Amino acid sequence: MNTQRPVNLKITSLPITAVVSITHRITGLILFVGTGYLLYLLQLVLSSEESFASAKQLMSGNIARIGLWLTLVALAYHVIAGVKHLLLDLHVGDTIRAARLGSWVTLIVTFVLAVFAGVWIW
């Protein structure tokens, strides 16, 4: 029996590639919930003029805008990280150095898109 197994992970010392991979999974969960939110908004907008007005009223609040922003940022991150994973499946950038660079590019591009989404929503 191996008694030298680690008891817990040091989350603060994970490599950037692991952080990007874990965040990719988390954004998938956010998108699962966010898709329902977006479908609800779409249903409101397309139902009638009164429901369009209520959707417009709903989107004037900061909490609804934050929800929309989080969903858009999760979508952007998930797509960018997904493309990175597809490239890795094709053996493009599968060295350690390229994987780290790809992880940083994923984070930076997502940050830029998050700023653009924030400016667009507010």
N, C-alpha and C. Protein backbone atom coordinates (compact mmCIF):
# COMPACT_ATOMS: atom_id res chain seq x y z
N MET A 1 0.83 -1.18 0.00
CA MET A 1 0.00 0.00 0.00
C MET A 1 0.88 1.25 0.00
N ASN A 2 0.56 2.18 -0.87
CA ASN A 2 1.35 3.40 -1.02
C ASN A 2 0.84 4.44 -0.03
N THR A 3 1.65 4.79 0.95
CA THR A 3 1.26 5.80 1.93
C THR A 3 1.86 7.16 1.62
N GLN A 4 2.58 7.28 0.52
CA GLN A 4 3.22 8.53 0.15
C GLN A 4 2.40 9.36 -0.82
N ARG A 5 1.13 9.02 -1.00
CA ARG A 5 0.29 9.77 -1.94
C ARG A 5 0.01 11.16 -1.39
N PRO A 6 -0.14 12.14 -2.27
CA PRO A 6 -0.46 13.49 -1.79
C PRO A 6 -1.88 13.53 -1.21
N VAL A 7 -2.02 14.29 -0.16
CA VAL A 7 -3.31 14.41 0.50
C VAL A 7 -4.18 15.44 -0.21
N ASN A 8 -3.61 16.52 -0.66
CA ASN A 8 -4.37 17.56 -1.36
C ASN A 8 -3.50 18.21 -2.44
N LEU A 9 -4.19 18.87 -3.35
CA LEU A 9 -3.48 19.59 -4.41
C LEU A 9 -3.21 21.02 -3.97
N LYS A 10 -2.08 21.53 -4.33
CA LYS A 10 -1.79 22.94 -4.11
C LYS A 10 -2.26 23.69 -5.35
N ILE A 11 -3.46 24.21 -5.27
CA ILE A 11 -4.07 24.84 -6.44
C ILE A 11 -3.28 26.07 -6.89
N THR A 12 -2.63 26.73 -5.95
CA THR A 12 -1.88 27.94 -6.31
C THR A 12 -0.60 27.62 -7.07
N SER A 13 -0.18 26.37 -7.06
CA SER A 13 1.07 26.04 -7.75
C SER A 13 0.86 25.19 -9.00
N LEU A 14 -0.36 25.19 -9.52
CA LEU A 14 -0.62 24.45 -10.75
C LEU A 14 0.01 25.15 -11.94
N PRO A 15 0.50 24.41 -12.92
CA PRO A 15 1.03 25.06 -14.13
C PRO A 15 -0.09 25.74 -14.92
N ILE A 16 0.29 26.70 -15.73
CA ILE A 16 -0.68 27.49 -16.49
C ILE A 16 -1.52 26.60 -17.40
N THR A 17 -0.94 25.55 -17.92
CA THR A 17 -1.70 24.66 -18.79
C THR A 17 -2.81 23.95 -18.03
N ALA A 18 -2.57 23.60 -16.78
CA ALA A 18 -3.60 22.97 -15.96
C ALA A 18 -4.70 23.96 -15.61
N VAL A 19 -4.32 25.20 -15.31
CA VAL A 19 -5.31 26.23 -14.99
C VAL A 19 -6.22 26.48 -16.18
N VAL A 20 -5.65 26.55 -17.38
CA VAL A 20 -6.44 26.78 -18.59
C VAL A 20 -7.36 25.59 -18.85
N SER A 21 -6.88 24.38 -18.62
CA SER A 21 -7.71 23.20 -18.83
C SER A 21 -8.87 23.14 -17.83
N ILE A 22 -8.60 23.42 -16.58
CA ILE A 22 -9.66 23.43 -15.56
C ILE A 22 -10.67 24.53 -15.85
N THR A 23 -10.18 25.69 -16.24
CA THR A 23 -11.07 26.81 -16.56
C THR A 23 -11.93 26.49 -17.78
N HIS A 24 -11.40 25.73 -18.71
CA HIS A 24 -12.18 25.32 -19.88
C HIS A 24 -13.38 24.48 -19.45
N ARG A 25 -13.18 23.61 -18.48
CA ARG A 25 -14.28 22.81 -17.96
C ARG A 25 -15.29 23.68 -17.21
N ILE A 26 -14.80 24.63 -16.44
CA ILE A 26 -15.69 25.51 -15.68
C ILE A 26 -16.53 26.37 -16.62
N THR A 27 -15.93 26.87 -17.69
CA THR A 27 -16.71 27.68 -18.64
C THR A 27 -17.74 26.83 -19.35
N GLY A 28 -17.47 25.55 -19.51
CA GLY A 28 -18.49 24.66 -20.08
C GLY A 28 -19.72 24.60 -19.17
N LEU A 29 -19.51 24.55 -17.87
CA LEU A 29 -20.63 24.56 -16.92
C LEU A 29 -21.37 25.90 -16.94
N ILE A 30 -20.62 26.98 -17.02
CA ILE A 30 -21.24 28.31 -17.09
C ILE A 30 -22.08 28.42 -18.36
N LEU A 31 -21.57 27.89 -19.46
CA LEU A 31 -22.33 27.92 -20.72
C LEU A 31 -23.60 27.09 -20.64
N PHE A 32 -23.56 26.00 -19.90
CA PHE A 32 -24.75 25.17 -19.74
C PHE A 32 -25.87 25.98 -19.10
N VAL A 33 -25.55 26.72 -18.05
CA VAL A 33 -26.55 27.57 -17.38
C VAL A 33 -26.85 28.80 -18.23
N GLY A 34 -25.82 29.40 -18.80
CA GLY A 34 -25.98 30.62 -19.58
C GLY A 34 -26.81 30.43 -20.83
N THR A 35 -26.78 29.24 -21.40
CA THR A 35 -27.59 28.97 -22.58
C THR A 35 -29.08 29.05 -22.23
N GLY A 36 -29.43 28.54 -21.08
CA GLY A 36 -30.83 28.67 -20.62
C GLY A 36 -31.22 30.13 -20.44
N TYR A 37 -30.31 30.91 -19.90
CA TYR A 37 -30.55 32.34 -19.71
C TYR A 37 -30.74 33.04 -21.06
N LEU A 38 -29.87 32.73 -22.01
CA LEU A 38 -29.98 33.34 -23.34
C LEU A 38 -31.24 32.91 -24.06
N LEU A 39 -31.63 31.64 -23.91
CA LEU A 39 -32.87 31.17 -24.53
C LEU A 39 -34.10 31.84 -23.91
N TYR A 40 -34.05 32.07 -22.61
CA TYR A 40 -35.14 32.78 -21.95
C TYR A 40 -35.25 34.20 -22.51
N LEU A 41 -34.13 34.89 -22.63
CA LEU A 41 -34.15 36.25 -23.20
C LEU A 41 -34.65 36.23 -24.64
N LEU A 42 -34.22 35.26 -25.42
CA LEU A 42 -34.67 35.15 -26.81
C LEU A 42 -36.18 34.93 -26.87
N GLN A 43 -36.70 34.07 -26.00
CA GLN A 43 -38.14 33.82 -25.96
C GLN A 43 -38.90 35.09 -25.60
N LEU A 44 -38.37 35.86 -24.65
CA LEU A 44 -39.01 37.12 -24.29
C LEU A 44 -39.02 38.10 -25.46
N VAL A 45 -37.91 38.21 -26.13
CA VAL A 45 -37.79 39.18 -27.21
C VAL A 45 -38.70 38.83 -28.39
N LEU A 46 -38.86 37.54 -28.67
CA LEU A 46 -39.61 37.13 -29.86
C LEU A 46 -41.10 36.92 -29.62
N SER A 47 -41.56 36.91 -28.38
CA SER A 47 -42.96 36.59 -28.09
C SER A 47 -43.92 37.69 -28.52
N SER A 48 -43.73 38.88 -28.00
CA SER A 48 -44.64 39.98 -28.30
C SER A 48 -43.94 41.29 -27.99
N GLU A 49 -44.63 42.37 -28.33
CA GLU A 49 -44.05 43.69 -28.03
C GLU A 49 -43.96 43.92 -26.53
N GLU A 50 -44.95 43.42 -25.78
CA GLU A 50 -44.94 43.60 -24.33
C GLU A 50 -43.78 42.81 -23.69
N SER A 51 -43.57 41.59 -24.16
CA SER A 51 -42.47 40.81 -23.60
C SER A 51 -41.12 41.38 -24.04
N PHE A 52 -41.07 41.98 -25.23
CA PHE A 52 -39.84 42.66 -25.65
C PHE A 52 -39.54 43.81 -24.70
N ALA A 53 -40.58 44.56 -24.33
CA ALA A 53 -40.39 45.66 -23.38
C ALA A 53 -39.93 45.14 -22.02
N SER A 54 -40.48 43.99 -21.60
CA SER A 54 -40.05 43.44 -20.31
C SER A 54 -38.61 42.93 -20.39
N ALA A 55 -38.21 42.39 -21.53
CA ALA A 55 -36.81 41.97 -21.71
C ALA A 55 -35.88 43.17 -21.69
N LYS A 56 -36.33 44.24 -22.31
CA LYS A 56 -35.53 45.47 -22.32
C LYS A 56 -35.40 46.02 -20.89
N GLN A 57 -36.49 45.96 -20.14
CA GLN A 57 -36.48 46.40 -18.74
C GLN A 57 -35.54 45.52 -17.91
N LEU A 58 -35.62 44.20 -18.15
CA LEU A 58 -34.77 43.26 -17.43
C LEU A 58 -33.30 43.54 -17.71
N MET A 59 -32.96 43.82 -18.95
CA MET A 59 -31.57 44.05 -19.33
C MET A 59 -31.04 45.42 -18.90
N SER A 60 -31.92 46.26 -18.37
CA SER A 60 -31.44 47.55 -17.88
C SER A 60 -30.80 47.41 -16.50
N GLY A 61 -31.03 46.29 -15.83
CA GLY A 61 -30.43 46.06 -14.51
C GLY A 61 -29.02 45.51 -14.62
N ASN A 62 -28.22 45.81 -13.61
CA ASN A 62 -26.81 45.39 -13.64
C ASN A 62 -26.65 43.88 -13.49
N ILE A 63 -27.51 43.24 -12.72
CA ILE A 63 -27.36 41.79 -12.51
C ILE A 63 -27.60 41.05 -13.83
N ALA A 64 -28.60 41.46 -14.58
CA ALA A 64 -28.86 40.82 -15.88
C ALA A 64 -27.70 41.07 -16.84
N ARG A 65 -27.14 42.24 -16.80
CA ARG A 65 -26.00 42.54 -17.68
C ARG A 65 -24.77 41.73 -17.28
N ILE A 66 -24.57 41.56 -15.98
CA ILE A 66 -23.44 40.74 -15.52
C ILE A 66 -23.63 39.29 -15.97
N GLY A 67 -24.87 38.80 -15.88
CA GLY A 67 -25.15 37.44 -16.35
C GLY A 67 -24.87 37.29 -17.83
N LEU A 68 -25.28 38.28 -18.61
CA LEU A 68 -25.01 38.25 -20.05
C LEU A 68 -23.52 38.33 -20.32
N TRP A 69 -22.83 39.20 -19.60
CA TRP A 69 -21.39 39.36 -19.77
C TRP A 69 -20.65 38.06 -19.42
N LEU A 70 -21.01 37.44 -18.31
CA LEU A 70 -20.37 36.19 -17.92
C LEU A 70 -20.59 35.10 -18.96
N THR A 71 -21.80 35.05 -19.50
CA THR A 71 -22.09 34.05 -20.52
C THR A 71 -21.26 34.30 -21.78
N LEU A 72 -21.16 35.55 -22.20
CA LEU A 72 -20.37 35.87 -23.40
C LEU A 72 -18.88 35.61 -23.19
N VAL A 73 -18.37 35.95 -22.00
CA VAL A 73 -16.96 35.70 -21.72
C VAL A 73 -16.69 34.20 -21.65
N ALA A 74 -17.60 33.45 -21.03
CA ALA A 74 -17.44 31.99 -20.98
C ALA A 74 -17.47 31.40 -22.38
N LEU A 75 -18.35 31.92 -23.24
CA LEU A 75 -18.41 31.45 -24.61
C LEU A 75 -17.11 31.74 -25.35
N ALA A 76 -16.61 32.95 -25.21
CA ALA A 76 -15.36 33.32 -25.88
C ALA A 76 -14.21 32.43 -25.39
N TYR A 77 -14.09 32.28 -24.09
CA TYR A 77 -13.01 31.46 -23.54
C TYR A 77 -13.13 30.01 -24.00
N HIS A 78 -14.35 29.48 -23.93
CA HIS A 78 -14.56 28.09 -24.27
C HIS A 78 -14.23 27.83 -25.74
N VAL A 79 -14.59 28.75 -26.61
CA VAL A 79 -14.28 28.60 -28.04
C VAL A 79 -12.78 28.68 -28.28
N ILE A 80 -12.13 29.66 -27.67
CA ILE A 80 -10.68 29.81 -27.87
C ILE A 80 -9.92 28.61 -27.32
N ALA A 81 -10.27 28.18 -26.12
CA ALA A 81 -9.61 27.00 -25.54
C ALA A 81 -9.95 25.74 -26.33
N GLY A 82 -11.16 25.67 -26.87
CA GLY A 82 -11.54 24.52 -27.69
C GLY A 82 -10.73 24.45 -28.97
N VAL A 83 -10.49 25.59 -29.59
CA VAL A 83 -9.65 25.62 -30.80
C VAL A 83 -8.23 25.20 -30.44
N LYS A 84 -7.74 25.66 -29.29
CA LYS A 84 -6.41 25.25 -28.83
C LYS A 84 -6.35 23.73 -28.65
N HIS A 85 -7.39 23.15 -28.07
CA HIS A 85 -7.42 21.70 -27.89
C HIS A 85 -7.50 20.97 -29.23
N LEU A 86 -8.26 21.52 -30.16
CA LEU A 86 -8.33 20.90 -31.49
C LEU A 86 -6.96 20.93 -32.18
N LEU A 87 -6.25 22.04 -32.04
CA LEU A 87 -4.91 22.11 -32.61
C LEU A 87 -3.98 21.10 -31.95
N LEU A 88 -4.13 20.91 -30.63
CA LEU A 88 -3.32 19.90 -29.95
C LEU A 88 -3.63 18.50 -30.46
N ASP A 89 -4.91 18.25 -30.79
CA ASP A 89 -5.28 16.95 -31.35
C ASP A 89 -4.62 16.71 -32.70
N LEU A 90 -4.32 17.80 -33.41
CA LEU A 90 -3.63 17.70 -34.70
C LEU A 90 -2.12 17.78 -34.53
N HIS A 91 -1.65 17.73 -33.29
CA HIS A 91 -0.23 17.80 -32.95
C HIS A 91 0.40 19.13 -33.33
N VAL A 92 -0.39 20.17 -33.29
CA VAL A 92 0.13 21.52 -33.49
C VAL A 92 0.30 22.14 -32.11
N GLY A 93 1.51 22.46 -31.75
CA GLY A 93 1.77 23.07 -30.46
C GLY A 93 1.71 22.10 -29.29
N ASP A 94 2.17 20.88 -29.50
CA ASP A 94 2.07 19.91 -28.41
C ASP A 94 3.37 19.73 -27.63
N THR A 95 4.29 20.67 -27.78
CA THR A 95 5.46 20.67 -26.91
C THR A 95 5.10 21.47 -25.65
N ILE A 96 5.89 21.30 -24.63
CA ILE A 96 5.62 22.01 -23.36
C ILE A 96 5.66 23.52 -23.56
N ARG A 97 6.67 23.98 -24.27
CA ARG A 97 6.82 25.42 -24.50
C ARG A 97 5.63 25.98 -25.30
N ALA A 98 5.22 25.27 -26.34
CA ALA A 98 4.10 25.71 -27.16
C ALA A 98 2.79 25.64 -26.38
N ALA A 99 2.65 24.64 -25.52
CA ALA A 99 1.44 24.52 -24.71
C ALA A 99 1.32 25.69 -23.73
N ARG A 100 2.42 26.08 -23.14
CA ARG A 100 2.41 27.24 -22.24
C ARG A 100 2.09 28.52 -23.01
N LEU A 101 2.70 28.67 -24.18
CA LEU A 101 2.41 29.85 -24.99
C LEU A 101 0.95 29.88 -25.41
N GLY A 102 0.43 28.73 -25.83
CA GLY A 102 -0.98 28.65 -26.22
C GLY A 102 -1.92 28.96 -25.06
N SER A 103 -1.53 28.56 -23.86
CA SER A 103 -2.35 28.86 -22.69
C SER A 103 -2.36 30.35 -22.41
N TRP A 104 -1.21 30.98 -22.50
CA TRP A 104 -1.15 32.43 -22.28
C TRP A 104 -1.92 33.19 -23.36
N VAL A 105 -1.80 32.74 -24.60
CA VAL A 105 -2.55 33.37 -25.69
C VAL A 105 -4.05 33.23 -25.44
N THR A 106 -4.49 32.07 -24.98
CA THR A 106 -5.90 31.87 -24.67
C THR A 106 -6.37 32.85 -23.62
N LEU A 107 -5.60 33.02 -22.56
CA LEU A 107 -5.99 33.95 -21.49
C LEU A 107 -5.99 35.40 -21.96
N ILE A 108 -4.99 35.78 -22.72
CA ILE A 108 -4.89 37.18 -23.17
C ILE A 108 -6.00 37.52 -24.15
N VAL A 109 -6.24 36.65 -25.12
CA VAL A 109 -7.30 36.91 -26.10
C VAL A 109 -8.66 36.96 -25.41
N THR A 110 -8.87 36.07 -24.45
CA THR A 110 -10.13 36.09 -23.71
C THR A 110 -10.28 37.37 -22.92
N PHE A 111 -9.21 37.85 -22.31
CA PHE A 111 -9.27 39.11 -21.57
C PHE A 111 -9.66 40.27 -22.49
N VAL A 112 -9.05 40.32 -23.66
CA VAL A 112 -9.37 41.39 -24.62
C VAL A 112 -10.84 41.30 -25.04
N LEU A 113 -11.31 40.09 -25.34
CA LEU A 113 -12.70 39.91 -25.74
C LEU A 113 -13.66 40.23 -24.59
N ALA A 114 -13.24 39.94 -23.35
CA ALA A 114 -14.07 40.26 -22.19
C ALA A 114 -14.23 41.77 -22.04
N VAL A 115 -13.16 42.51 -22.30
CA VAL A 115 -13.24 43.97 -22.25
C VAL A 115 -14.18 44.48 -23.33
N PHE A 116 -14.03 43.96 -24.54
CA PHE A 116 -14.93 44.37 -25.63
C PHE A 116 -16.38 44.04 -25.31
N ALA A 117 -16.63 42.87 -24.75
CA ALA A 117 -18.00 42.48 -24.40
C ALA A 117 -18.55 43.41 -23.31
N GLY A 118 -17.71 43.77 -22.35
CA GLY A 118 -18.14 44.69 -21.29
C GLY A 118 -18.49 46.06 -21.84
N VAL A 119 -17.68 46.55 -22.76
CA VAL A 119 -17.96 47.86 -23.38
C VAL A 119 -19.25 47.78 -24.19
N TRP A 120 -19.46 46.67 -24.89
CA TRP A 120 -20.65 46.51 -25.73
C TRP A 120 -21.92 46.43 -24.88
N ILE A 121 -21.85 45.73 -23.74
CA ILE A 121 -23.04 45.54 -22.90
C ILE A 121 -23.38 46.81 -22.13
N TRP A 122 -22.37 47.50 -21.62
CA TRP A 122 -22.64 48.70 -20.86
C TRP A 122 -22.46 49.89 -21.75
